[in-house]
Amino acid sequence: MIGKYVPIETKKLTGRVYLDEIIYVEKALRKTILVTEKEKIALYCDMGFIKAYTDDRFLDCHRSYLFNMDKIKQMTEQTVVLENGDSIPLGRDCFRAGRKVYRNYLHKKKKE
């Protein structure tokens, strides 16, 4: 697989995770969890480190989550439903802002 990636380093693992594989990123206390199609990888880093490696397909509408918009199945009733079946509730303002960005992203992708 060729493309952009996030470098990862844990006690047991050093490698990379391609952006195409990331479904979403979750900040949980001191850990940042990369949720991919195959696994969850916990890193000790802040969300800013991950954001530095992402591109415009990543939705940053909440301080604890970063969504790959290519992996969003739908956004409904203040919830983001992802391709892997995870549903993540968001606050009203965050949901409204995120839905607007997601809608614009879908229209942009349609034109390409």
PDB file of N, CA and C in Angstrom:
ATOM      1  N   MET A   1       0.845  -1.172   0.000  1.00  0.00           N
ATOM      2  CA  MET A   1       0.000   0.000   0.000  1.00  0.00           C
ATOM      3  C   MET A   1       0.893   1.239   0.000  1.00  0.00           C
ATOM      4  N   ILE A   2       0.582   2.155  -0.870  1.00  0.00           N
ATOM      5  CA  ILE A   2       1.364   3.386  -0.983  1.00  0.00           C
ATOM      6  C   ILE A   2       0.462   4.543  -0.590  1.00  0.00           C
ATOM      7  N   GLY A   3       0.993   5.467   0.179  1.00  0.00           N
ATOM      8  CA  GLY A   3       0.212   6.638   0.561  1.00  0.00           C
ATOM      9  C   GLY A   3       0.715   7.266   1.836  1.00  0.00           C
ATOM     10  N   LYS A   4      -0.045   8.239   2.293  1.00  0.00           N
ATOM     11  CA  LYS A   4       0.304   8.946   3.513  1.00  0.00           C
ATOM     12  C   LYS A   4       0.066   8.040   4.706  1.00  0.00           C
ATOM     13  N   TYR A   5       0.845   8.267   5.751  1.00  0.00           N
ATOM     14  CA  TYR A   5       0.709   7.436   6.940  1.00  0.00           C
ATOM     15  C   TYR A   5       1.043   8.213   8.204  1.00  0.00           C
ATOM     16  N   VAL A   6       0.670   7.624   9.330  1.00  0.00           N
ATOM     17  CA  VAL A   6       1.017   8.134  10.647  1.00  0.00           C
ATOM     18  C   VAL A   6       2.080   7.205  11.214  1.00  0.00           C
ATOM     19  N   PRO A   7       3.226   7.731  11.595  1.00  0.00           N
ATOM     20  CA  PRO A   7       4.231   6.871  12.226  1.00  0.00           C
ATOM     21  C   PRO A   7       3.778   6.525  13.638  1.00  0.00           C
ATOM     22  N   ILE A   8       3.991   5.280  14.039  1.00  0.00           N
ATOM     23  CA  ILE A   8       3.584   4.863  15.377  1.00  0.00           C
ATOM     24  C   ILE A   8       4.759   4.218  16.101  1.00  0.00           C
ATOM     25  N   GLU A   9       4.757   4.430  17.405  1.00  0.00           N
ATOM     26  CA  GLU A   9       5.789   3.820  18.224  1.00  0.00           C
ATOM     27  C   GLU A   9       5.204   3.530  19.601  1.00  0.00           C
ATOM     28  N   THR A  10       5.232   2.261  19.975  1.00  0.00           N
ATOM     29  CA  THR A  10       4.813   1.830  21.303  1.00  0.00           C
ATOM     30  C   THR A  10       5.956   1.000  21.884  1.00  0.00           C
ATOM     31  N   LYS A  11       5.741   0.460  23.072  1.00  0.00           N
ATOM     32  CA  LYS A  11       6.777  -0.395  23.670  1.00  0.00           C
ATOM     33  C   LYS A  11       7.042  -1.629  22.820  1.00  0.00           C
ATOM     34  N   LYS A  12       6.012  -2.141  22.177  1.00  0.00           N
ATOM     35  CA  LYS A  12       6.128  -3.400  21.436  1.00  0.00           C
ATOM     36  C   LYS A  12       6.149  -3.229  19.923  1.00  0.00           C
ATOM     37  N   LEU A  13       5.887  -2.027  19.436  1.00  0.00           N
ATOM     38  CA  LEU A  13       5.677  -1.854  17.998  1.00  0.00           C
ATOM     39  C   LEU A  13       6.218  -0.528  17.501  1.00  0.00           C
ATOM     40  N   THR A  14       6.920  -0.584  16.395  1.00  0.00           N
ATOM     41  CA  THR A  14       7.322   0.618  15.669  1.00  0.00           C
ATOM     42  C   THR A  14       6.929   0.382  14.224  1.00  0.00           C
ATOM     43  N   GLY A  15       6.221   1.330  13.638  1.00  0.00           N
ATOM     44  CA  GLY A  15       5.764   1.135  12.267  1.00  0.00           C
ATOM     45  C   GLY A  15       4.963   2.325  11.778  1.00  0.00           C
ATOM     46  N   ARG A  16       3.998   2.032  10.927  1.00  0.00           N
ATOM     47  CA  ARG A  16       3.160   3.083  10.364  1.00  0.00           C
ATOM     48  C   ARG A  16       1.761   2.548  10.123  1.00  0.00           C
ATOM     49  N   VAL A  17       0.819   3.472  10.148  1.00  0.00           N
ATOM     50  CA  VAL A  17      -0.568   3.160   9.841  1.00  0.00           C
ATOM     51  C   VAL A  17      -0.975   4.099   8.714  1.00  0.00           C
ATOM     52  N   TYR A  18      -1.393   3.532   7.600  1.00  0.00           N
ATOM     53  CA  TYR A  18      -1.795   4.347   6.458  1.00  0.00           C
ATOM     54  C   TYR A  18      -3.118   5.045   6.726  1.00  0.00           C
ATOM     55  N   LEU A  19      -3.247   6.283   6.253  1.00  0.00           N
ATOM     56  CA  LEU A  19      -4.463   7.063   6.469  1.00  0.00           C
ATOM     57  C   LEU A  19      -5.690   6.350   5.919  1.00  0.00           C
ATOM     58  N   ASP A  20      -5.536   5.636   4.813  1.00  0.00           N
ATOM     59  CA  ASP A  20      -6.660   4.912   4.224  1.00  0.00           C
ATOM     60  C   ASP A  20      -7.222   3.839   5.160  1.00  0.00           C
ATOM     61  N   GLU A  21      -6.414   3.346   6.080  1.00  0.00           N
ATOM     62  CA  GLU A  21      -6.843   2.297   7.002  1.00  0.00           C
ATOM     63  C   GLU A  21      -7.524   2.843   8.252  1.00  0.00           C
ATOM     64  N   ILE A  22      -7.281   4.099   8.581  1.00  0.00           N
ATOM     65  CA  ILE A  22      -7.817   4.677   9.811  1.00  0.00           C
ATOM     66  C   ILE A  22      -9.300   4.981   9.644  1.00  0.00           C
ATOM     67  N   ILE A  23     -10.110   4.484  10.582  1.00  0.00           N
ATOM     68  CA  ILE A  23     -11.538   4.783  10.591  1.00  0.00           C
ATOM     69  C   ILE A  23     -11.768   6.040  11.425  1.00  0.00           C
ATOM     70  N   TYR A  24     -11.226   6.044  12.629  1.00  0.00           N
ATOM     71  CA  TYR A  24     -11.264   7.241  13.458  1.00  0.00           C
ATOM     72  C   TYR A  24     -10.165   7.173  14.509  1.00  0.00           C
ATOM     73  N   VAL A  25      -9.938   8.315  15.139  1.00  0.00           N
ATOM     74  CA  VAL A  25      -8.949   8.430  16.209  1.00  0.00           C
ATOM     75  C   VAL A  25      -9.693   8.952  17.435  1.00  0.00           C
ATOM     76  N   GLU A  26      -9.427   8.332  18.570  1.00  0.00           N
ATOM     77  CA  GLU A  26     -10.088   8.731  19.809  1.00  0.00           C
ATOM     78  C   GLU A  26      -9.054   9.076  20.868  1.00  0.00           C
ATOM     79  N   LYS A  27      -9.250  10.194  21.536  1.00  0.00           N
ATOM     80  CA  LYS A  27      -8.394  10.592  22.657  1.00  0.00           C
ATOM     81  C   LYS A  27      -9.064  10.124  23.933  1.00  0.00           C
ATOM     82  N   ALA A  28      -8.383   9.272  24.688  1.00  0.00           N
ATOM     83  CA  ALA A  28      -8.921   8.724  25.935  1.00  0.00           C
ATOM     84  C   ALA A  28      -7.878   8.901  27.031  1.00  0.00           C
ATOM     85  N   LEU A  29      -8.094   9.877  27.886  1.00  0.00           N
ATOM     86  CA  LEU A  29      -7.137  10.235  28.931  1.00  0.00           C
ATOM     87  C   LEU A  29      -5.770  10.524  28.320  1.00  0.00           C
ATOM     88  N   ARG A  30      -4.735   9.783  28.699  1.00  0.00           N
ATOM     89  CA  ARG A  30      -3.392  10.059  28.164  1.00  0.00           C
ATOM     90  C   ARG A  30      -3.115   9.313  26.864  1.00  0.00           C
ATOM     91  N   LYS A  31      -4.003   8.430  26.470  1.00  0.00           N
ATOM     92  CA  LYS A  31      -3.787   7.633  25.265  1.00  0.00           C
ATOM     93  C   LYS A  31      -4.558   8.201  24.080  1.00  0.00           C
ATOM     94  N   THR A  32      -3.999   8.002  22.924  1.00  0.00           N
ATOM     95  CA  THR A  32      -4.690   8.289  21.672  1.00  0.00           C
ATOM     96  C   THR A  32      -4.830   6.947  20.972  1.00  0.00           C
ATOM     97  N   ILE A  33      -6.059   6.602  20.615  1.00  0.00           N
ATOM     98  CA  ILE A  33      -6.333   5.284  20.038  1.00  0.00           C
ATOM     99  C   ILE A  33      -6.658   5.426  18.560  1.00  0.00           C
ATOM    100  N   LEU A  34      -5.838   4.773  17.733  1.00  0.00           N
ATOM    101  CA  LEU A  34      -6.098   4.718  16.296  1.00  0.00           C
ATOM    102  C   LEU A  34      -6.963   3.487  16.044  1.00  0.00           C
ATOM    103  N   VAL A  35      -8.170   3.702  15.541  1.00  0.00           N
ATOM    104  CA  VAL A  35      -9.065   2.593  15.230  1.00  0.00           C
ATOM    105  C   VAL A  35      -8.982   2.365  13.731  1.00  0.00           C
ATOM    106  N   THR A  36      -8.479   1.186  13.352  1.00  0.00           N
ATOM    107  CA  THR A  36      -8.327   0.851  11.941  1.00  0.00           C
ATOM    108  C   THR A  36      -9.301  -0.260  11.570  1.00  0.00           C
ATOM    109  N   GLU A  37      -9.255  -0.664  10.333  1.00  0.00           N
ATOM    110  CA  GLU A  37     -10.122  -1.735   9.854  1.00  0.00           C
ATOM    111  C   GLU A  37      -9.806  -3.062  10.537  1.00  0.00           C
ATOM    112  N   LYS A  38      -8.559  -3.232  11.007  1.00  0.00           N
ATOM    113  CA  LYS A  38      -8.126  -4.512  11.563  1.00  0.00           C
ATOM    114  C   LYS A  38      -7.857  -4.497  13.062  1.00  0.00           C
ATOM    115  N   GLU A  39      -7.526  -3.320  13.631  1.00  0.00           N
ATOM    116  CA  GLU A  39      -7.085  -3.295  15.025  1.00  0.00           C
ATOM    117  C   GLU A  39      -7.249  -1.923  15.646  1.00  0.00           C
ATOM    118  N   LYS A  40      -7.029  -1.877  16.952  1.00  0.00           N
ATOM    119  CA  LYS A  40      -6.965  -0.623  17.697  1.00  0.00           C
ATOM    120  C   LYS A  40      -5.551  -0.510  18.247  1.00  0.00           C
ATOM    121  N   ILE A  41      -4.927   0.644  18.007  1.00  0.00           N
ATOM    122  CA  ILE A  41      -3.557   0.859  18.442  1.00  0.00           C
ATOM    123  C   ILE A  41      -3.550   2.037  19.411  1.00  0.00           C
ATOM    124  N   ALA A  42      -3.101   1.794  20.637  1.00  0.00           N
ATOM    125  CA  ALA A  42      -3.039   2.833  21.665  1.00  0.00           C
ATOM    126  C   ALA A  42      -1.643   3.438  21.698  1.00  0.00           C
ATOM    127  N   LEU A  43      -1.592   4.753  21.607  1.00  0.00           N
ATOM    128  CA  LEU A  43      -0.331   5.492  21.636  1.00  0.00           C
ATOM    129  C   LEU A  43      -0.358   6.500  22.769  1.00  0.00           C
ATOM    130  N   TYR A  44       0.786   6.800  23.316  1.00  0.00           N
ATOM    131  CA  TYR A  44       0.897   7.881  24.282  1.00  0.00           C
ATOM    132  C   TYR A  44       1.367   9.121  23.530  1.00  0.00           C
ATOM    133  N   CYS A  45       0.405   9.872  23.021  1.00  0.00           N
ATOM    134  CA  CYS A  45       0.695  11.114  22.307  1.00  0.00           C
ATOM    135  C   CYS A  45      -0.554  11.978  22.363  1.00  0.00           C
ATOM    136  N   ASP A  46      -0.419  13.223  21.977  1.00  0.00           N
ATOM    137  CA  ASP A  46      -1.607  14.065  21.946  1.00  0.00           C
ATOM    138  C   ASP A  46      -2.214  14.041  20.544  1.00  0.00           C
ATOM    139  N   MET A  47      -3.434  14.532  20.451  1.00  0.00           N
ATOM    140  CA  MET A  47      -4.156  14.521  19.179  1.00  0.00           C
ATOM    141  C   MET A  47      -3.434  15.371  18.131  1.00  0.00           C
ATOM    142  N   GLY A  48      -2.738  16.405  18.553  1.00  0.00           N
ATOM    143  CA  GLY A  48      -2.003  17.256  17.626  1.00  0.00           C
ATOM    144  C   GLY A  48      -0.952  16.505  16.836  1.00  0.00           C
ATOM    145  N   PHE A  49      -0.322  15.517  17.457  1.00  0.00           N
ATOM    146  CA  PHE A  49       0.670  14.699  16.761  1.00  0.00           C
ATOM    147  C   PHE A  49       0.019  13.971  15.586  1.00  0.00           C
ATOM    148  N   ILE A  50      -1.141  13.375  15.823  1.00  0.00           N
ATOM    149  CA  ILE A  50      -1.857  12.642  14.766  1.00  0.00           C
ATOM    150  C   ILE A  50      -2.334  13.603  13.683  1.00  0.00           C
ATOM    151  N   LYS A  51      -2.911  14.741  14.088  1.00  0.00           N
ATOM    152  CA  LYS A  51      -3.435  15.720  13.127  1.00  0.00           C
ATOM    153  C   LYS A  51      -2.353  16.217  12.175  1.00  0.00           C
ATOM    154  N   ALA A  52      -1.128  16.273  12.639  1.00  0.00           N
ATOM    155  CA  ALA A  52      -0.026  16.752  11.802  1.00  0.00           C
ATOM    156  C   ALA A  52       0.201  15.853  10.586  1.00  0.00           C
ATOM    157  N   TYR A  53      -0.242  14.609  10.659  1.00  0.00           N
ATOM    158  CA  TYR A  53      -0.036  13.656   9.565  1.00  0.00           C
ATOM    159  C   TYR A  53      -1.287  13.418   8.725  1.00  0.00           C
ATOM    160  N   THR A  54      -2.425  13.981   9.117  1.00  0.00           N
ATOM    161  CA  THR A  54      -3.662  13.739   8.379  1.00  0.00           C
ATOM    162  C   THR A  54      -3.864  14.773   7.278  1.00  0.00           C
ATOM    163  N   ASP A  55      -4.889  14.531   6.473  1.00  0.00           N
ATOM    164  CA  ASP A  55      -5.202  15.454   5.381  1.00  0.00           C
ATOM    165  C   ASP A  55      -6.661  15.901   5.470  1.00  0.00           C
ATOM    166  N   ASP A  56      -7.173  16.505   4.393  1.00  0.00           N
ATOM    167  CA  ASP A  56      -8.509  17.110   4.434  1.00  0.00           C
ATOM    168  C   ASP A  56      -9.663  16.113   4.524  1.00  0.00           C
ATOM    169  N   ARG A  57      -9.417  14.831   4.432  1.00  0.00           N
ATOM    170  CA  ARG A  57     -10.504  13.856   4.587  1.00  0.00           C
ATOM    171  C   ARG A  57     -10.831  13.581   6.052  1.00  0.00           C
ATOM    172  N   PHE A  58     -10.039  14.145   6.965  1.00  0.00           N
ATOM    173  CA  PHE A  58     -10.262  13.913   8.390  1.00  0.00           C
ATOM    174  C   PHE A  58     -11.056  15.056   9.008  1.00  0.00           C
ATOM    175  N   LEU A  59     -12.150  14.690   9.636  1.00  0.00           N
ATOM    176  CA  LEU A  59     -13.082  15.631  10.256  1.00  0.00           C
ATOM    177  C   LEU A  59     -12.682  15.849  11.710  1.00  0.00           C
ATOM    178  N   ASP A  60     -12.395  17.087  12.031  1.00  0.00           N
ATOM    179  CA  ASP A  60     -11.970  17.465  13.381  1.00  0.00           C
ATOM    180  C   ASP A  60     -13.036  18.384  13.972  1.00  0.00           C
ATOM    181  N   CYS A  61     -14.146  17.803  14.422  1.00  0.00           N
ATOM    182  CA  CYS A  61     -15.229  18.619  14.967  1.00  0.00           C
ATOM    183  C   CYS A  61     -15.375  18.436  16.475  1.00  0.00           C
ATOM    184  N   HIS A  62     -14.531  17.613  17.066  1.00  0.00           N
ATOM    185  CA  HIS A  62     -14.616  17.320  18.494  1.00  0.00           C
ATOM    186  C   HIS A  62     -13.204  17.128  19.023  1.00  0.00           C
ATOM    187  N   ARG A  63     -12.938  17.617  20.211  1.00  0.00           N
ATOM    188  CA  ARG A  63     -11.561  17.539  20.705  1.00  0.00           C
ATOM    189  C   ARG A  63     -11.104  16.118  21.000  1.00  0.00           C
ATOM    190  N   SER A  64     -12.052  15.188  21.175  1.00  0.00           N
ATOM    191  CA  SER A  64     -11.691  13.809  21.502  1.00  0.00           C
ATOM    192  C   SER A  64     -11.750  12.855  20.319  1.00  0.00           C
ATOM    193  N   TYR A  65     -12.224  13.323  19.166  1.00  0.00           N
ATOM    194  CA  TYR A  65     -12.363  12.441  18.011  1.00  0.00           C
ATOM    195  C   TYR A  65     -11.856  13.107  16.744  1.00  0.00           C
ATOM    196  N   LEU A  66     -11.355  12.285  15.866  1.00  0.00           N
ATOM    197  CA  LEU A  66     -10.937  12.691  14.530  1.00  0.00           C
ATOM    198  C   LEU A  66     -11.445  11.594  13.601  1.00  0.00           C
ATOM    199  N   PHE A  67     -12.366  11.933  12.704  1.00  0.00           N
ATOM    200  CA  PHE A  67     -13.018  10.942  11.848  1.00  0.00           C
ATOM    201  C   PHE A  67     -12.483  10.974  10.428  1.00  0.00           C
ATOM    202  N   ASN A  68     -12.264   9.804   9.842  1.00  0.00           N
ATOM    203  CA  ASN A  68     -11.953   9.696   8.421  1.00  0.00           C
ATOM    204  C   ASN A  68     -13.293   9.762   7.697  1.00  0.00           C
ATOM    205  N   MET A  69     -13.558  10.848   6.985  1.00  0.00           N
ATOM    206  CA  MET A  69     -14.862  11.043   6.345  1.00  0.00           C
ATOM    207  C   MET A  69     -15.148   9.998   5.276  1.00  0.00           C
ATOM    208  N   ASP A  70     -14.112   9.368   4.737  1.00  0.00           N
ATOM    209  CA  ASP A  70     -14.329   8.282   3.779  1.00  0.00           C
ATOM    210  C   ASP A  70     -14.899   7.045   4.468  1.00  0.00           C
ATOM    211  N   LYS A  71     -14.810   6.979   5.791  1.00  0.00           N
ATOM    212  CA  LYS A  71     -15.272   5.817   6.558  1.00  0.00           C
ATOM    213  C   LYS A  71     -16.578   6.080   7.308  1.00  0.00           C
ATOM    214  N   ILE A  72     -17.149   7.286   7.148  1.00  0.00           N
ATOM    215  CA  ILE A  72     -18.432   7.590   7.790  1.00  0.00           C
ATOM    216  C   ILE A  72     -19.541   6.999   6.934  1.00  0.00           C
ATOM    217  N   LYS A  73     -20.368   6.200   7.565  1.00  0.00           N
ATOM    218  CA  LYS A  73     -21.518   5.603   6.882  1.00  0.00           C
ATOM    219  C   LYS A  73     -22.670   6.600   6.838  1.00  0.00           C
ATOM    220  N   GLN A  74     -22.943   7.226   7.993  1.00  0.00           N
ATOM    221  CA  GLN A  74     -23.974   8.257   8.048  1.00  0.00           C
ATOM    222  C   GLN A  74     -23.829   9.088   9.314  1.00  0.00           C
ATOM    223  N   MET A  75     -24.448  10.259   9.272  1.00  0.00           N
ATOM    224  CA  MET A  75     -24.527  11.129  10.443  1.00  0.00           C
ATOM    225  C   MET A  75     -26.002  11.378  10.686  1.00  0.00           C
ATOM    226  N   THR A  76     -26.474  10.965  11.857  1.00  0.00           N
ATOM    227  CA  THR A  76     -27.891  11.090  12.158  1.00  0.00           C
ATOM    228  C   THR A  76     -28.123  11.290  13.641  1.00  0.00           C
ATOM    229  N   GLU A  77     -29.069  12.134  13.989  1.00  0.00           N
ATOM    230  CA  GLU A  77     -29.475  12.353  15.375  1.00  0.00           C
ATOM    231  C   GLU A  77     -28.298  12.526  16.323  1.00  0.00           C
ATOM    232  N   GLN A  78     -27.398  13.425  15.973  1.00  0.00           N
ATOM    233  CA  GLN A  78     -26.215  13.738  16.774  1.00  0.00           C
ATOM    234  C   GLN A  78     -25.287  12.548  16.974  1.00  0.00           C
ATOM    235  N   THR A  79     -25.295  11.617  16.026  1.00  0.00           N
ATOM    236  CA  THR A  79     -24.458  10.429  16.087  1.00  0.00           C
ATOM    237  C   THR A  79     -23.735  10.235  14.769  1.00  0.00           C
ATOM    238  N   VAL A  80     -22.455   9.871  14.867  1.00  0.00           N
ATOM    239  CA  VAL A  80     -21.677   9.506  13.686  1.00  0.00           C
ATOM    240  C   VAL A  80     -21.626   7.986  13.653  1.00  0.00           C
ATOM    241  N   VAL A  81     -22.104   7.396  12.554  1.00  0.00           N
ATOM    242  CA  VAL A  81     -22.085   5.946  12.386  1.00  0.00           C
ATOM    243  C   VAL A  81     -20.999   5.631  11.363  1.00  0.00           C
ATOM    244  N   LEU A  82     -20.077   4.766  11.766  1.00  0.00           N
ATOM    245  CA  LEU A  82     -18.920   4.463  10.931  1.00  0.00           C
ATOM    246  C   LEU A  82     -19.060   3.101  10.261  1.00  0.00           C
ATOM    247  N   GLU A  83     -18.257   2.868   9.230  1.00  0.00           N
ATOM    248  CA  GLU A  83     -18.337   1.627   8.456  1.00  0.00           C
ATOM    249  C   GLU A  83     -18.121   0.371   9.288  1.00  0.00           C
ATOM    250  N   ASN A  84     -17.359   0.475  10.367  1.00  0.00           N
ATOM    251  CA  ASN A  84     -17.100  -0.703  11.195  1.00  0.00           C
ATOM    252  C   ASN A  84     -18.231  -0.979  12.186  1.00  0.00           C
ATOM    253  N   GLY A  85     -19.278  -0.151  12.179  1.00  0.00           N
ATOM    254  CA  GLY A  85     -20.424  -0.345  13.049  1.00  0.00           C
ATOM    255  C   GLY A  85     -20.406   0.498  14.305  1.00  0.00           C
ATOM    256  N   ASP A  86     -19.290   1.158  14.613  1.00  0.00           N
ATOM    257  CA  ASP A  86     -19.226   2.015  15.802  1.00  0.00           C
ATOM    258  C   ASP A  86     -20.120   3.235  15.611  1.00  0.00           C
ATOM    259  N   SER A  87     -20.827   3.606  16.682  1.00  0.00           N
ATOM    260  CA  SER A  87     -21.652   4.814  16.697  1.00  0.00           C
ATOM    261  C   SER A  87     -21.110   5.729  17.773  1.00  0.00           C
ATOM    262  N   ILE A  88     -20.825   6.971  17.411  1.00  0.00           N
ATOM    263  CA  ILE A  88     -20.228   7.909  18.354  1.00  0.00           C
ATOM    264  C   ILE A  88     -21.154   9.110  18.500  1.00  0.00           C
ATOM    265  N   PRO A  89     -21.705   9.300  19.705  1.00  0.00           N
ATOM    266  CA  PRO A  89     -22.583  10.456  19.923  1.00  0.00           C
ATOM    267  C   PRO A  89     -21.762  11.736  20.055  1.00  0.00           C
ATOM    268  N   LEU A  90     -22.309  12.807  19.519  1.00  0.00           N
ATOM    269  CA  LEU A  90     -21.655  14.111  19.604  1.00  0.00           C
ATOM    270  C   LEU A  90     -22.645  15.129  20.162  1.00  0.00           C
ATOM    271  N   GLY A  91     -22.137  16.168  20.779  1.00  0.00           N
ATOM    272  CA  GLY A  91     -22.973  17.264  21.247  1.00  0.00           C
ATOM    273  C   GLY A  91     -23.600  17.987  20.068  1.00  0.00           C
ATOM    274  N   ARG A  92     -24.670  18.702  20.339  1.00  0.00           N
ATOM    275  CA  ARG A  92     -25.442  19.352  19.275  1.00  0.00           C
ATOM    276  C   ARG A  92     -24.599  20.286  18.407  1.00  0.00           C
ATOM    277  N   ASP A  93     -23.845  21.185  19.033  1.00  0.00           N
ATOM    278  CA  ASP A  93     -23.049  22.149  18.260  1.00  0.00           C
ATOM    279  C   ASP A  93     -21.956  21.465  17.453  1.00  0.00           C
ATOM    280  N   CYS A  94     -21.291  20.515  18.080  1.00  0.00           N
ATOM    281  CA  CYS A  94     -20.241  19.758  17.404  1.00  0.00           C
ATOM    282  C   CYS A  94     -20.827  18.979  16.229  1.00  0.00           C
ATOM    283  N   PHE A  95     -21.986  18.377  16.435  1.00  0.00           N
ATOM    284  CA  PHE A  95     -22.638  17.602  15.383  1.00  0.00           C
ATOM    285  C   PHE A  95     -23.012  18.501  14.207  1.00  0.00           C
ATOM    286  N   ARG A  96     -23.600  19.652  14.499  1.00  0.00           N
ATOM    287  CA  ARG A  96     -24.003  20.582  13.426  1.00  0.00           C
ATOM    288  C   ARG A  96     -22.797  21.025  12.589  1.00  0.00           C
ATOM    289  N   ALA A  97     -21.735  21.414  13.266  1.00  0.00           N
ATOM    290  CA  ALA A  97     -20.522  21.856  12.558  1.00  0.00           C
ATOM    291  C   ALA A  97     -19.932  20.702  11.750  1.00  0.00           C
ATOM    292  N   GLY A  98     -19.865  19.523  12.341  1.00  0.00           N
ATOM    293  CA  GLY A  98     -19.312  18.361  11.658  1.00  0.00           C
ATOM    294  C   GLY A  98     -20.141  17.942  10.466  1.00  0.00           C
ATOM    295  N   ARG A  99     -21.458  17.980  10.619  1.00  0.00           N
ATOM    296  CA  ARG A  99     -22.344  17.596   9.515  1.00  0.00           C
ATOM    297  C   ARG A  99     -22.170  18.538   8.324  1.00  0.00           C
ATOM    298  N   LYS A 100     -21.994  19.818   8.605  1.00  0.00           N
ATOM    299  CA  LYS A 100     -21.783  20.797   7.525  1.00  0.00           C
ATOM    300  C   LYS A 100     -20.486  20.499   6.769  1.00  0.00           C
ATOM    301  N   VAL A 101     -19.405  20.240   7.502  1.00  0.00           N
ATOM    302  CA  VAL A 101     -18.125  19.911   6.868  1.00  0.00           C
ATOM    303  C   VAL A 101     -18.246  18.612   6.071  1.00  0.00           C
ATOM    304  N   TYR A 102     -18.911  17.624   6.645  1.00  0.00           N
ATOM    305  CA  TYR A 102     -19.085  16.322   5.983  1.00  0.00           C
ATOM    306  C   TYR A 102     -19.905  16.475   4.700  1.00  0.00           C
ATOM    307  N   ARG A 103     -20.964  17.254   4.759  1.00  0.00           N
ATOM    308  CA  ARG A 103     -21.812  17.488   3.580  1.00  0.00           C
ATOM    309  C   ARG A 103     -20.987  18.135   2.460  1.00  0.00           C
ATOM    310  N   ASN A 104     -20.189  19.154   2.813  1.00  0.00           N
ATOM    311  CA  ASN A 104     -19.339  19.817   1.815  1.00  0.00           C
ATOM    312  C   ASN A 104     -18.313  18.845   1.233  1.00  0.00           C
ATOM    313  N   TYR A 105     -17.776  17.985   2.071  1.00  0.00           N
ATOM    314  CA  TYR A 105     -16.797  16.989   1.622  1.00  0.00           C
ATOM    315  C   TYR A 105     -17.435  16.027   0.620  1.00  0.00           C
ATOM    316  N   LEU A 106     -18.650  15.576   0.904  1.00  0.00           N
ATOM    317  CA  LEU A 106     -19.344  14.665  -0.011  1.00  0.00           C
ATOM    318  C   LEU A 106     -19.617  15.314  -1.364  1.00  0.00           C
ATOM    319  N   HIS A 107     -20.038  16.584  -1.334  1.00  0.00           N
ATOM    320  CA  HIS A 107     -20.277  17.289  -2.602  1.00  0.00           C
ATOM    321  C   HIS A 107     -18.996  17.492  -3.397  1.00  0.00           C
ATOM    322  N   LYS A 108     -17.922  17.782  -2.701  1.00  0.00           N
ATOM    323  CA  LYS A 108     -16.617  17.947  -3.344  1.00  0.00           C
ATOM    324  C   LYS A 108     -16.157  16.622  -3.978  1.00  0.00           C
ATOM    325  N   LYS A 109     -16.328  15.512  -3.255  1.00  0.00           N
ATOM    326  CA  LYS A 109     -15.936  14.199  -3.760  1.00  0.00           C
ATOM    327  C   LYS A 109     -16.759  13.803  -4.981  1.00  0.00           C
ATOM    328  N   LYS A 110     -18.030  14.188  -4.978  1.00  0.00           N
ATOM    329  CA  LYS A 110     -18.930  13.864  -6.089  1.00  0.00           C
ATOM    330  C   LYS A 110     -18.455  14.545  -7.385  1.00  0.00           C
ATOM    331  N   LYS A 111     -17.926  15.741  -7.257  1.00  0.00           N
ATOM    332  CA  LYS A 111     -17.478  16.503  -8.422  1.00  0.00           C
ATOM    333  C   LYS A 111     -16.160  15.986  -8.988  1.00  0.00           C
ATOM    334  N   GLU A 112     -15.388  15.267  -8.168  1.00  0.00           N
ATOM    335  CA  GLU A 112     -14.068  14.791  -8.621  1.00  0.00           C
ATOM    336  C   GLU A 112     -14.183  13.606  -9.557  1.00  0.00           C
TER     337      GLU A 112
END
